[in-house]
Structure formats: structure tokens, C-alpha cells
Amino acid sequence: MTTEHAHEGYKAGFDPAEKYLETLGISADGLGQRYPQGDPQSADPLGEALTIRDVAKLLGCSPWTVRHSYLPRGLPFLRSGPLGKLTFYRTQVVRWILEHQRKGGK
């Protein structure tokens, strides 16, 4: 079996060597991932969507302070339209907070 075909066995969910492991008394369950490229359904890299109130609660301030103090300083957000509501993503907000803490709040 070529290396290419061996990887196909893992993607298909079976391992031809599995029966040999069983005869040696070794469980195939603890041998790692079968498809190491990652789970296509992995967690969202942006995190959950937050409202301006959620962000204010996370920062320990009011929504007014978020809008008038933190947005001009670069707090990342997405606006649904020219006058639409603001949407924030938890991972981006936390990363922004950590970066500003390292810079001394600037």
C-alpha cells in the first residue's frame, strides 16, 4: 500500500493496521486523530457575535463609552449597513483588549 492510499484509509474511517493492534492487545482509540487536517466543523474563529451592550458589559462600561471612546480608538466591529447596528465578535474584542493592555491602554 502506498503512502497516498494509506492516508485514504484514515479519511475513510478505517485503518488496515487496526486488526493487528487488536491482536497485540493495543487499543486503536488512543493513537491520535484519524484525519489530522482538522475538523471542518471547528469552532468559529471570530467567536460569538456580541451587541454593543454585551461589549460594554465585557469592558465594564456603558454602551455610550464603547461608542464614543473605544470605537474611535480602533475597537473592531461590523456595521450591518450605513446606519445599521454594530456587531462585535468576542475573539476580536478580547484580542483588542489584550493588545491595548500591553501598550498601556493607548
Protein backbone atom coordinates (compact mmCIF):
# COMPACT_ATOMS: atom_id res chain seq x y z
CA MET A 1 0.00 0.00 0.00
CA THR A 2 1.41 3.39 -0.98
CA THR A 3 1.52 6.34 1.39
CA GLU A 4 -1.22 8.03 -0.59
CA HIS A 5 -3.53 5.01 -0.20
CA ALA A 6 -2.68 4.68 3.48
CA HIS A 7 -3.94 8.24 4.11
CA GLU A 8 -7.17 7.44 2.27
CA GLY A 9 -7.82 4.68 4.79
CA TYR A 10 -7.67 7.20 7.60
CA LYS A 11 -10.05 9.59 5.80
CA ALA A 12 -12.49 6.74 5.17
CA GLY A 13 -12.57 5.98 8.88
CA PHE A 14 -10.73 2.67 8.94
CA ASP A 15 -7.14 1.66 9.39
CA PRO A 16 -5.92 -1.60 7.86
CA ALA A 17 -3.39 -1.93 10.70
CA GLU A 18 -6.14 -1.76 13.32
CA LYS A 19 -6.72 -5.54 13.37
CA TYR A 20 -3.02 -6.07 14.08
CA LEU A 21 -3.18 -3.70 17.03
CA GLU A 22 -6.11 -5.63 18.47
CA THR A 23 -4.18 -8.90 18.32
CA LEU A 24 -1.37 -7.24 20.28
CA GLY A 25 -3.83 -6.05 22.93
CA ILE A 26 -3.41 -2.38 21.99
CA SER A 27 -6.45 -0.18 21.58
CA ALA A 28 -6.50 1.89 18.40
CA ASP A 29 -8.61 4.55 20.17
CA GLY A 30 -5.67 6.23 21.89
CA LEU A 31 -3.46 6.56 18.84
CA GLY A 32 -4.43 10.10 17.83
CA GLN A 33 -6.53 11.67 15.15
CA ARG A 34 -7.71 9.78 12.12
CA TYR A 35 -7.99 12.92 9.99
CA PRO A 36 -5.27 15.30 11.23
CA GLN A 37 -6.11 18.12 8.79
CA GLY A 38 -8.69 19.30 11.33
CA ASP A 39 -12.38 19.15 11.86
CA PRO A 40 -14.23 21.09 9.17
CA GLN A 41 -16.82 21.98 11.81
CA SER A 42 -14.22 23.54 14.14
CA ALA A 43 -15.10 26.46 16.39
CA ASP A 44 -15.78 29.80 14.79
CA PRO A 45 -12.52 31.82 14.84
CA LEU A 46 -14.42 35.06 15.48
CA GLY A 47 -16.28 33.75 18.49
CA GLU A 48 -19.86 34.59 19.29
CA ALA A 49 -21.48 37.76 17.97
CA LEU A 50 -21.93 40.46 20.61
CA THR A 51 -24.12 43.54 20.81
CA ILE A 52 -22.79 46.89 21.97
CA ARG A 53 -24.37 46.19 25.37
CA ASP A 54 -22.52 42.86 25.58
CA VAL A 55 -19.22 44.59 24.78
CA ALA A 56 -19.93 47.30 27.34
CA LYS A 57 -20.54 44.64 29.95
CA LEU A 58 -17.32 42.85 28.94
CA LEU A 59 -15.36 46.11 29.22
CA GLY A 60 -17.13 47.21 32.39
CA CYS A 61 -18.51 50.43 30.97
CA SER A 62 -21.62 51.85 29.31
CA PRO A 63 -22.64 51.41 25.65
CA TRP A 64 -22.13 55.18 25.29
CA THR A 65 -18.48 54.79 26.35
CA VAL A 66 -17.99 51.94 23.88
CA ARG A 67 -19.41 54.05 21.04
CA HIS A 68 -17.70 57.34 21.87
CA SER A 69 -14.42 56.23 23.43
CA TYR A 70 -13.48 52.72 22.29
CA LEU A 71 -14.70 52.74 18.67
CA PRO A 72 -12.58 55.78 17.74
CA ARG A 73 -9.59 54.01 19.33
CA GLY A 74 -9.99 51.06 16.97
CA LEU A 75 -12.27 48.55 18.71
CA PRO A 76 -13.17 46.14 15.86
CA PHE A 77 -16.81 45.95 14.78
CA LEU A 78 -19.01 45.22 11.79
CA ARG A 79 -21.84 47.54 10.79
CA SER A 80 -24.78 45.91 9.03
CA GLY A 81 -25.39 48.96 6.84
CA PRO A 82 -24.68 52.70 6.64
CA LEU A 83 -26.89 53.33 9.67
CA GLY A 84 -27.19 49.74 10.82
CA LYS A 85 -26.48 48.21 14.18
CA LEU A 86 -22.97 47.38 15.30
CA THR A 87 -21.91 43.75 15.69
CA PHE A 88 -18.80 42.75 17.58
CA TYR A 89 -17.11 39.35 17.78
CA ARG A 90 -15.84 38.10 21.12
CA THR A 91 -12.43 36.86 19.92
CA GLN A 92 -11.67 40.15 18.15
CA VAL A 93 -12.76 42.23 21.14
CA VAL A 94 -10.70 40.17 23.59
CA ARG A 95 -7.65 40.35 21.29
CA TRP A 96 -8.07 44.14 21.02
CA ILE A 97 -8.30 44.47 24.81
CA LEU A 98 -5.16 42.38 25.33
CA GLU A 99 -3.21 44.39 22.74
CA HIS A 100 -4.20 47.68 24.40
CA GLN A 101 -3.30 46.37 27.83
CA ARG A 102 0.20 45.54 26.54
CA LYS A 103 0.51 49.06 25.08
CA GLY A 104 -0.51 50.64 28.37
CA GLY A 105 -4.08 51.47 27.35
CA LYS A 106 -3.14 53.54 24.29
